[in-house]
Amino acid sequence: MEVSFEKKLRDWLSDAERVVIAGIGNPIRMDDFVGVKIVRDLLGKVSGKVLLVECETVPESFVQQIADFKPSHVLLIDAAVMGLEAGECRLVKPERLRVFPAISTHMLPLRVFCEYLAKTVGAKIALLLIEPKNTDFGEGLSGEVKASAERIVKFLLSVLP
C-alpha cells in the first residue's frame, strides 16, 4: 500500500527546527506554477521558524538566502510529470530524481540543485512533487491542481514548527 504523502511529510518534518519552503515554477505555464502558489498561500500564516521562498524557475539564485537561514529542513515544491492523476502528490528524496536531460522550465536540473544545496546548507532536503494537468502557456491552475494546492497548504500549516 502506498503511504500517503502527508504521512511521509509529517514523518520527514518530525524533527524540524527551521524549515525552508521553496516554491518552484513558471508563472506563465499554468499548473507548473503550483509550487509558488503554495508558498504565496502560506505567506503571513507561518512562524519565524519557516522561511518561504518564491524561486519561480531559478531556485539556484536563492541558495545564499536559504543557507543564511540555517534550516534543518528544505522542502522544494514543484510540478512534475510522473504519470499520476492530475493533482496527485509524491514526497521524493533528491537522490531518487532521475538524471537525464528532460524538458524542464528550470535552468539547472533539480537533482543538481539539490546536491549543491545539500553540500552548501547541510539540511535535510525533500521535494513535494505535484502532477500537473496543464502546463501550456497561460495563467491559473487547473481545478485538480488548485484543490491539491489548497490541501497541501492546510496540511503544512498543521505540521510546520
N, C-alpha and C. Protein backbone atom coordinates (compact mmCIF):
# COMPACT_ATOMS: atom_id res chain seq x y z
N MET A 1 0.84 -1.19 0.00
CA MET A 1 0.00 0.00 0.00
C MET A 1 0.88 1.25 0.00
N GLU A 2 0.56 2.19 -0.83
CA GLU A 2 1.31 3.45 -0.91
C GLU A 2 1.02 4.30 0.33
N VAL A 3 2.08 4.70 1.00
CA VAL A 3 1.92 5.58 2.16
C VAL A 3 1.63 6.98 1.64
N SER A 4 0.68 7.66 2.25
CA SER A 4 0.29 8.98 1.77
C SER A 4 1.44 9.98 1.89
N PHE A 5 1.45 10.97 1.01
CA PHE A 5 2.49 11.98 1.08
C PHE A 5 2.38 12.73 2.40
N GLU A 6 1.17 12.86 2.96
CA GLU A 6 1.02 13.56 4.24
C GLU A 6 1.77 12.83 5.34
N LYS A 7 1.62 11.51 5.41
CA LYS A 7 2.31 10.74 6.45
C LYS A 7 3.82 10.85 6.26
N LYS A 8 4.28 10.70 5.02
CA LYS A 8 5.72 10.80 4.76
C LYS A 8 6.23 12.19 5.12
N LEU A 9 5.47 13.21 4.78
CA LEU A 9 5.89 14.59 5.05
C LEU A 9 5.87 14.87 6.56
N ARG A 10 4.86 14.37 7.24
CA ARG A 10 4.79 14.55 8.70
C ARG A 10 6.01 13.89 9.36
N ASP A 11 6.33 12.67 8.93
CA ASP A 11 7.49 11.96 9.49
C ASP A 11 8.79 12.70 9.17
N TRP A 12 8.90 13.19 7.92
CA TRP A 12 10.12 13.88 7.50
C TRP A 12 10.31 15.17 8.31
N LEU A 13 9.23 15.84 8.63
CA LEU A 13 9.29 17.10 9.38
C LEU A 13 9.30 16.92 10.90
N SER A 14 9.24 15.67 11.38
CA SER A 14 9.06 15.43 12.82
C SER A 14 10.15 16.06 13.69
N ASP A 15 11.37 16.15 13.19
CA ASP A 15 12.45 16.75 13.99
C ASP A 15 12.87 18.13 13.45
N ALA A 16 12.00 18.75 12.68
CA ALA A 16 12.32 20.04 12.06
C ALA A 16 12.42 21.15 13.10
N GLU A 17 13.46 21.95 12.97
CA GLU A 17 13.63 23.12 13.84
C GLU A 17 13.42 24.41 13.04
N ARG A 18 14.03 24.46 11.86
CA ARG A 18 13.89 25.61 10.97
C ARG A 18 13.68 25.06 9.56
N VAL A 19 12.62 25.51 8.91
CA VAL A 19 12.23 24.93 7.63
C VAL A 19 12.19 26.00 6.54
N VAL A 20 12.77 25.68 5.41
CA VAL A 20 12.61 26.50 4.21
C VAL A 20 11.60 25.79 3.32
N ILE A 21 10.62 26.53 2.86
CA ILE A 21 9.71 26.02 1.84
C ILE A 21 9.93 26.85 0.60
N ALA A 22 10.43 26.19 -0.44
CA ALA A 22 10.78 26.88 -1.69
C ALA A 22 9.80 26.44 -2.77
N GLY A 23 9.07 27.41 -3.30
CA GLY A 23 8.13 27.14 -4.38
C GLY A 23 8.80 27.36 -5.71
N ILE A 24 8.70 26.36 -6.58
CA ILE A 24 9.35 26.40 -7.88
C ILE A 24 8.27 26.33 -8.96
N GLY A 25 8.45 27.09 -10.03
CA GLY A 25 7.51 27.02 -11.13
C GLY A 25 7.47 28.27 -11.97
N ASN A 26 6.91 28.11 -13.14
CA ASN A 26 6.83 29.19 -14.11
C ASN A 26 5.44 29.83 -14.05
N PRO A 27 5.37 31.15 -13.77
CA PRO A 27 4.07 31.81 -13.62
C PRO A 27 3.23 31.85 -14.88
N ILE A 28 3.83 31.59 -16.03
CA ILE A 28 3.04 31.64 -17.27
C ILE A 28 2.88 30.26 -17.91
N ARG A 29 3.04 29.20 -17.09
CA ARG A 29 2.85 27.83 -17.59
C ARG A 29 1.81 27.08 -16.74
N MET A 30 0.73 27.74 -16.44
CA MET A 30 -0.44 27.18 -15.74
C MET A 30 -0.06 26.34 -14.52
N ASP A 31 -0.30 25.03 -14.54
CA ASP A 31 -0.07 24.19 -13.36
C ASP A 31 1.39 24.13 -12.92
N ASP A 32 2.31 24.49 -13.79
CA ASP A 32 3.72 24.50 -13.40
C ASP A 32 3.97 25.49 -12.26
N PHE A 33 3.07 26.43 -12.08
CA PHE A 33 3.22 27.49 -11.07
C PHE A 33 2.80 27.04 -9.66
N VAL A 34 2.35 25.81 -9.51
CA VAL A 34 1.75 25.36 -8.25
C VAL A 34 2.68 25.53 -7.04
N GLY A 35 3.97 25.30 -7.19
CA GLY A 35 4.89 25.44 -6.06
C GLY A 35 4.92 26.86 -5.51
N VAL A 36 4.98 27.83 -6.41
CA VAL A 36 5.00 29.24 -6.00
C VAL A 36 3.64 29.63 -5.41
N LYS A 37 2.56 29.13 -5.99
CA LYS A 37 1.22 29.42 -5.49
C LYS A 37 1.07 28.94 -4.04
N ILE A 38 1.58 27.77 -3.73
CA ILE A 38 1.50 27.24 -2.36
C ILE A 38 2.28 28.15 -1.41
N VAL A 39 3.48 28.56 -1.80
CA VAL A 39 4.27 29.47 -0.96
C VAL A 39 3.51 30.78 -0.74
N ARG A 40 2.93 31.32 -1.77
CA ARG A 40 2.17 32.57 -1.64
C ARG A 40 0.98 32.40 -0.69
N ASP A 41 0.34 31.24 -0.75
CA ASP A 41 -0.81 30.99 0.11
C ASP A 41 -0.41 30.80 1.58
N LEU A 42 0.87 30.50 1.83
CA LEU A 42 1.37 30.35 3.20
C LEU A 42 1.85 31.67 3.80
N LEU A 43 2.07 32.68 2.96
CA LEU A 43 2.59 33.97 3.44
C LEU A 43 1.73 34.54 4.56
N GLY A 44 2.39 34.98 5.61
CA GLY A 44 1.69 35.59 6.73
C GLY A 44 1.00 34.60 7.66
N LYS A 45 1.16 33.29 7.40
CA LYS A 45 0.47 32.28 8.19
C LYS A 45 1.43 31.34 8.93
N VAL A 46 2.75 31.50 8.71
CA VAL A 46 3.73 30.59 9.32
C VAL A 46 4.57 31.32 10.36
N SER A 47 5.25 30.55 11.20
CA SER A 47 6.08 31.14 12.26
C SER A 47 7.41 31.64 11.70
N GLY A 48 8.18 32.29 12.55
CA GLY A 48 9.51 32.76 12.17
C GLY A 48 10.51 31.64 11.97
N LYS A 49 10.09 30.41 12.29
CA LYS A 49 10.96 29.24 12.07
C LYS A 49 10.82 28.69 10.65
N VAL A 50 10.01 29.37 9.84
CA VAL A 50 9.76 28.94 8.46
C VAL A 50 10.11 30.10 7.53
N LEU A 51 10.96 29.81 6.55
CA LEU A 51 11.29 30.78 5.52
C LEU A 51 10.60 30.36 4.23
N LEU A 52 9.81 31.26 3.68
CA LEU A 52 9.11 31.00 2.42
C LEU A 52 9.87 31.68 1.29
N VAL A 53 10.16 30.92 0.23
CA VAL A 53 10.94 31.45 -0.88
C VAL A 53 10.20 31.17 -2.19
N GLU A 54 9.94 32.24 -2.95
CA GLU A 54 9.34 32.10 -4.28
C GLU A 54 10.47 32.04 -5.30
N CYS A 55 10.88 30.82 -5.65
CA CYS A 55 12.02 30.63 -6.55
C CYS A 55 11.68 30.81 -8.02
N GLU A 56 10.42 30.62 -8.36
CA GLU A 56 10.00 30.56 -9.76
C GLU A 56 10.88 29.57 -10.50
N THR A 57 11.55 29.96 -11.59
CA THR A 57 12.31 28.97 -12.39
C THR A 57 13.80 28.96 -12.09
N VAL A 58 14.23 29.74 -11.09
CA VAL A 58 15.68 29.82 -10.80
C VAL A 58 15.98 29.58 -9.32
N PRO A 59 15.71 28.37 -8.80
CA PRO A 59 15.97 28.13 -7.38
C PRO A 59 17.43 28.33 -7.00
N GLU A 60 18.34 28.15 -7.96
CA GLU A 60 19.77 28.33 -7.66
C GLU A 60 20.10 29.75 -7.24
N SER A 61 19.26 30.70 -7.60
CA SER A 61 19.50 32.10 -7.22
C SER A 61 19.24 32.35 -5.74
N PHE A 62 18.66 31.38 -5.04
CA PHE A 62 18.26 31.58 -3.65
C PHE A 62 19.10 30.76 -2.66
N VAL A 63 20.17 30.13 -3.14
CA VAL A 63 20.99 29.29 -2.27
C VAL A 63 21.52 30.07 -1.08
N GLN A 64 22.03 31.28 -1.30
CA GLN A 64 22.60 32.05 -0.19
C GLN A 64 21.54 32.43 0.83
N GLN A 65 20.38 32.87 0.36
CA GLN A 65 19.29 33.22 1.26
C GLN A 65 18.88 32.00 2.10
N ILE A 66 18.82 30.83 1.47
CA ILE A 66 18.46 29.60 2.17
C ILE A 66 19.55 29.25 3.18
N ALA A 67 20.81 29.32 2.77
CA ALA A 67 21.93 28.99 3.66
C ALA A 67 21.97 29.93 4.86
N ASP A 68 21.72 31.23 4.64
CA ASP A 68 21.76 32.21 5.72
C ASP A 68 20.70 31.95 6.79
N PHE A 69 19.60 31.31 6.41
CA PHE A 69 18.52 31.00 7.35
C PHE A 69 18.90 29.83 8.27
N LYS A 70 19.90 29.04 7.86
CA LYS A 70 20.38 27.87 8.60
C LYS A 70 19.24 26.88 8.92
N PRO A 71 18.59 26.38 7.87
CA PRO A 71 17.46 25.47 8.09
C PRO A 71 17.91 24.06 8.47
N SER A 72 17.04 23.37 9.19
CA SER A 72 17.26 21.94 9.42
C SER A 72 16.65 21.14 8.26
N HIS A 73 15.65 21.72 7.60
CA HIS A 73 14.93 21.05 6.52
C HIS A 73 14.65 22.05 5.38
N VAL A 74 14.76 21.56 4.15
CA VAL A 74 14.39 22.36 2.98
C VAL A 74 13.41 21.53 2.15
N LEU A 75 12.21 22.06 1.99
CA LEU A 75 11.19 21.40 1.18
C LEU A 75 10.99 22.20 -0.10
N LEU A 76 11.26 21.57 -1.22
CA LEU A 76 11.06 22.19 -2.53
C LEU A 76 9.72 21.68 -3.06
N ILE A 77 8.88 22.59 -3.51
CA ILE A 77 7.57 22.21 -4.03
C ILE A 77 7.52 22.58 -5.51
N ASP A 78 7.17 21.59 -6.34
CA ASP A 78 7.22 21.80 -7.78
C ASP A 78 6.21 20.89 -8.47
N ALA A 79 5.83 21.27 -9.67
CA ALA A 79 5.03 20.39 -10.52
C ALA A 79 5.99 19.43 -11.22
N ALA A 80 5.56 18.19 -11.42
CA ALA A 80 6.38 17.22 -12.13
C ALA A 80 5.49 16.19 -12.80
N VAL A 81 5.79 15.89 -14.05
CA VAL A 81 5.05 14.87 -14.77
C VAL A 81 5.59 13.51 -14.32
N MET A 82 4.74 12.78 -13.59
CA MET A 82 5.14 11.47 -13.05
C MET A 82 4.23 10.35 -13.54
N GLY A 83 3.26 10.68 -14.37
CA GLY A 83 2.34 9.66 -14.87
C GLY A 83 1.23 9.34 -13.88
N LEU A 84 0.94 10.27 -12.98
CA LEU A 84 -0.12 10.09 -11.98
C LEU A 84 -1.37 10.85 -12.42
N GLU A 85 -2.41 10.80 -11.61
CA GLU A 85 -3.59 11.60 -11.86
C GLU A 85 -3.27 13.06 -11.57
N ALA A 86 -3.87 13.99 -12.30
CA ALA A 86 -3.64 15.42 -12.07
C ALA A 86 -3.91 15.75 -10.61
N GLY A 87 -2.96 16.47 -9.98
CA GLY A 87 -3.10 16.88 -8.59
C GLY A 87 -2.53 15.90 -7.59
N GLU A 88 -2.18 14.67 -8.02
CA GLU A 88 -1.58 13.71 -7.08
C GLU A 88 -0.19 14.19 -6.69
N CYS A 89 0.20 13.86 -5.45
CA CYS A 89 1.47 14.33 -4.89
C CYS A 89 2.36 13.17 -4.48
N ARG A 90 3.66 13.42 -4.51
CA ARG A 90 4.64 12.47 -4.01
C ARG A 90 5.73 13.26 -3.28
N LEU A 91 6.17 12.73 -2.13
CA LEU A 91 7.33 13.28 -1.44
C LEU A 91 8.52 12.45 -1.90
N VAL A 92 9.51 13.12 -2.48
CA VAL A 92 10.62 12.43 -3.11
C VAL A 92 11.94 12.93 -2.54
N LYS A 93 12.85 12.02 -2.28
CA LYS A 93 14.20 12.41 -1.88
C LYS A 93 14.98 12.76 -3.15
N PRO A 94 15.85 13.77 -3.09
CA PRO A 94 16.55 14.22 -4.30
C PRO A 94 17.31 13.12 -5.03
N GLU A 95 17.87 12.17 -4.28
CA GLU A 95 18.65 11.12 -4.94
C GLU A 95 17.78 10.20 -5.80
N ARG A 96 16.47 10.28 -5.62
CA ARG A 96 15.57 9.47 -6.43
C ARG A 96 15.20 10.14 -7.75
N LEU A 97 15.58 11.40 -7.91
CA LEU A 97 15.32 12.07 -9.19
C LEU A 97 16.23 11.48 -10.25
N ARG A 98 15.67 11.23 -11.39
CA ARG A 98 16.48 10.69 -12.49
C ARG A 98 17.39 11.80 -13.04
N VAL A 99 18.59 11.37 -13.41
CA VAL A 99 19.49 12.33 -14.04
C VAL A 99 19.48 12.05 -15.54
N PHE A 100 18.73 12.84 -16.25
CA PHE A 100 18.72 12.74 -17.71
C PHE A 100 18.15 14.06 -18.24
N PRO A 101 18.54 14.39 -19.45
CA PRO A 101 18.00 15.63 -20.00
C PRO A 101 16.50 15.51 -20.18
N ALA A 102 15.77 16.43 -19.63
CA ALA A 102 14.32 16.40 -19.77
C ALA A 102 13.85 17.81 -20.09
N ILE A 103 12.69 17.89 -20.68
CA ILE A 103 12.11 19.20 -20.93
C ILE A 103 11.72 19.75 -19.57
N SER A 104 12.23 20.92 -19.25
CA SER A 104 12.00 21.48 -17.93
C SER A 104 11.93 22.99 -18.05
N THR A 105 11.27 23.60 -17.07
CA THR A 105 11.22 25.06 -17.05
C THR A 105 12.36 25.60 -16.20
N HIS A 106 13.21 24.70 -15.66
CA HIS A 106 14.28 25.13 -14.77
C HIS A 106 15.60 25.26 -15.52
N MET A 107 16.38 26.27 -15.13
CA MET A 107 17.68 26.48 -15.76
C MET A 107 18.64 25.36 -15.39
N LEU A 108 18.60 24.93 -14.14
CA LEU A 108 19.50 23.90 -13.63
C LEU A 108 18.66 22.69 -13.25
N PRO A 109 19.07 21.47 -13.63
CA PRO A 109 18.27 20.30 -13.23
C PRO A 109 18.10 20.25 -11.71
N LEU A 110 16.91 19.88 -11.26
CA LEU A 110 16.61 19.89 -9.83
C LEU A 110 17.54 19.00 -9.03
N ARG A 111 17.93 17.85 -9.57
CA ARG A 111 18.83 16.97 -8.81
C ARG A 111 20.17 17.65 -8.57
N VAL A 112 20.70 18.32 -9.57
CA VAL A 112 21.97 19.03 -9.43
C VAL A 112 21.82 20.15 -8.38
N PHE A 113 20.72 20.88 -8.46
CA PHE A 113 20.46 21.93 -7.48
C PHE A 113 20.39 21.35 -6.07
N CYS A 114 19.67 20.24 -5.91
CA CYS A 114 19.52 19.62 -4.59
C CYS A 114 20.86 19.15 -4.04
N GLU A 115 21.69 18.56 -4.89
CA GLU A 115 23.01 18.11 -4.44
C GLU A 115 23.85 19.30 -3.98
N TYR A 116 23.83 20.38 -4.73
CA TYR A 116 24.58 21.57 -4.35
C TYR A 116 24.04 22.16 -3.05
N LEU A 117 22.72 22.22 -2.94
CA LEU A 117 22.08 22.76 -1.74
C LEU A 117 22.44 21.92 -0.51
N ALA A 118 22.42 20.61 -0.66
CA ALA A 118 22.74 19.71 0.45
C ALA A 118 24.17 19.95 0.93
N LYS A 119 25.10 20.10 0.00
CA LYS A 119 26.50 20.36 0.38
C LYS A 119 26.67 21.73 1.02
N THR A 120 25.96 22.72 0.51
CA THR A 120 26.10 24.09 0.98
C THR A 120 25.41 24.33 2.32
N VAL A 121 24.23 23.77 2.48
CA VAL A 121 23.38 24.08 3.63
C VAL A 121 23.46 23.02 4.73
N GLY A 122 23.62 21.76 4.35
CA GLY A 122 23.69 20.68 5.32
C GLY A 122 22.35 20.31 5.92
N ALA A 123 21.25 20.68 5.29
CA ALA A 123 19.91 20.38 5.80
C ALA A 123 19.36 19.13 5.12
N LYS A 124 18.31 18.57 5.71
CA LYS A 124 17.58 17.50 5.04
C LYS A 124 16.79 18.15 3.90
N ILE A 125 16.80 17.51 2.75
CA ILE A 125 16.13 18.08 1.58
C ILE A 125 15.15 17.06 1.01
N ALA A 126 13.97 17.55 0.68
CA ALA A 126 12.97 16.70 0.01
C ALA A 126 12.20 17.55 -0.99
N LEU A 127 11.59 16.86 -1.92
CA LEU A 127 10.76 17.53 -2.91
C LEU A 127 9.34 17.03 -2.79
N LEU A 128 8.41 17.97 -2.77
CA LEU A 128 7.00 17.62 -2.84
C LEU A 128 6.58 17.92 -4.27
N LEU A 129 6.33 16.85 -5.02
CA LEU A 129 6.04 16.98 -6.44
C LEU A 129 4.55 16.75 -6.68
N ILE A 130 3.98 17.59 -7.52
CA ILE A 130 2.55 17.56 -7.81
C ILE A 130 2.36 17.35 -9.31
N GLU A 131 1.55 16.37 -9.65
CA GLU A 131 1.28 16.07 -11.06
C GLU A 131 0.43 17.19 -11.68
N PRO A 132 0.95 17.84 -12.72
CA PRO A 132 0.16 18.89 -13.38
C PRO A 132 -0.86 18.29 -14.35
N LYS A 133 -1.88 19.06 -14.63
CA LYS A 133 -2.84 18.66 -15.66
C LYS A 133 -2.51 19.40 -16.96
N ASN A 134 -2.11 20.68 -16.82
CA ASN A 134 -1.89 21.51 -17.99
C ASN A 134 -0.71 22.44 -17.75
N THR A 135 0.33 22.33 -18.57
CA THR A 135 1.48 23.23 -18.45
C THR A 135 1.64 24.08 -19.71
N ASP A 136 0.53 24.25 -20.42
CA ASP A 136 0.55 25.14 -21.58
C ASP A 136 0.77 26.58 -21.11
N PHE A 137 1.12 27.45 -22.05
CA PHE A 137 1.25 28.86 -21.70
C PHE A 137 -0.10 29.40 -21.28
N GLY A 138 -0.11 30.15 -20.20
CA GLY A 138 -1.33 30.71 -19.67
C GLY A 138 -1.18 30.88 -18.17
N GLU A 139 -2.22 31.41 -17.55
CA GLU A 139 -2.17 31.64 -16.11
C GLU A 139 -3.32 30.92 -15.43
N GLY A 140 -3.13 30.59 -14.17
CA GLY A 140 -4.17 29.92 -13.38
C GLY A 140 -3.95 28.42 -13.35
N LEU A 141 -4.35 27.83 -12.21
CA LEU A 141 -4.20 26.39 -12.03
C LEU A 141 -5.47 25.66 -12.46
N SER A 142 -5.30 24.42 -12.92
CA SER A 142 -6.47 23.58 -13.22
C SER A 142 -7.18 23.29 -11.90
N GLY A 143 -8.42 22.88 -11.98
CA GLY A 143 -9.20 22.59 -10.78
C GLY A 143 -8.56 21.54 -9.89
N GLU A 144 -8.04 20.47 -10.50
CA GLU A 144 -7.43 19.38 -9.74
C GLU A 144 -6.19 19.85 -8.99
N VAL A 145 -5.36 20.62 -9.67
CA VAL A 145 -4.10 21.08 -9.07
C VAL A 145 -4.38 22.16 -8.02
N LYS A 146 -5.37 23.01 -8.28
CA LYS A 146 -5.74 24.03 -7.30
C LYS A 146 -6.24 23.37 -6.01
N ALA A 147 -7.07 22.34 -6.14
CA ALA A 147 -7.58 21.62 -4.97
C ALA A 147 -6.44 20.96 -4.20
N SER A 148 -5.49 20.40 -4.92
CA SER A 148 -4.32 19.78 -4.29
C SER A 148 -3.50 20.83 -3.55
N ALA A 149 -3.30 21.99 -4.17
CA ALA A 149 -2.53 23.06 -3.54
C ALA A 149 -3.20 23.50 -2.24
N GLU A 150 -4.51 23.63 -2.25
CA GLU A 150 -5.23 24.04 -1.05
C GLU A 150 -5.08 23.00 0.07
N ARG A 151 -5.14 21.74 -0.31
CA ARG A 151 -4.96 20.64 0.65
C ARG A 151 -3.54 20.68 1.25
N ILE A 152 -2.55 20.92 0.41
CA ILE A 152 -1.16 20.98 0.87
C ILE A 152 -0.96 22.15 1.83
N VAL A 153 -1.50 23.31 1.50
CA VAL A 153 -1.37 24.49 2.37
C VAL A 153 -1.97 24.19 3.74
N LYS A 154 -3.17 23.65 3.75
CA LYS A 154 -3.84 23.32 5.02
C LYS A 154 -3.00 22.33 5.82
N PHE A 155 -2.48 21.31 5.16
CA PHE A 155 -1.68 20.29 5.83
C PHE A 155 -0.38 20.89 6.38
N LEU A 156 0.33 21.67 5.55
CA LEU A 156 1.59 22.28 6.01
C LEU A 156 1.37 23.16 7.23
N LEU A 157 0.29 23.92 7.24
CA LEU A 157 0.01 24.78 8.39
C LEU A 157 -0.20 23.96 9.66
N SER A 158 -0.61 22.71 9.52
CA SER A 158 -0.84 21.85 10.70
C SER A 158 0.44 21.17 11.20
N VAL A 159 1.49 21.10 10.36
CA VAL A 159 2.70 20.36 10.77
C VAL A 159 3.97 21.19 10.88
N LEU A 160 3.98 22.40 10.37
CA LEU A 160 5.20 23.19 10.41
C LEU A 160 5.50 23.68 11.84
N PRO A 161 6.81 23.83 12.17
CA PRO A 161 7.15 24.32 13.51
C PRO A 161 6.69 25.75 13.74
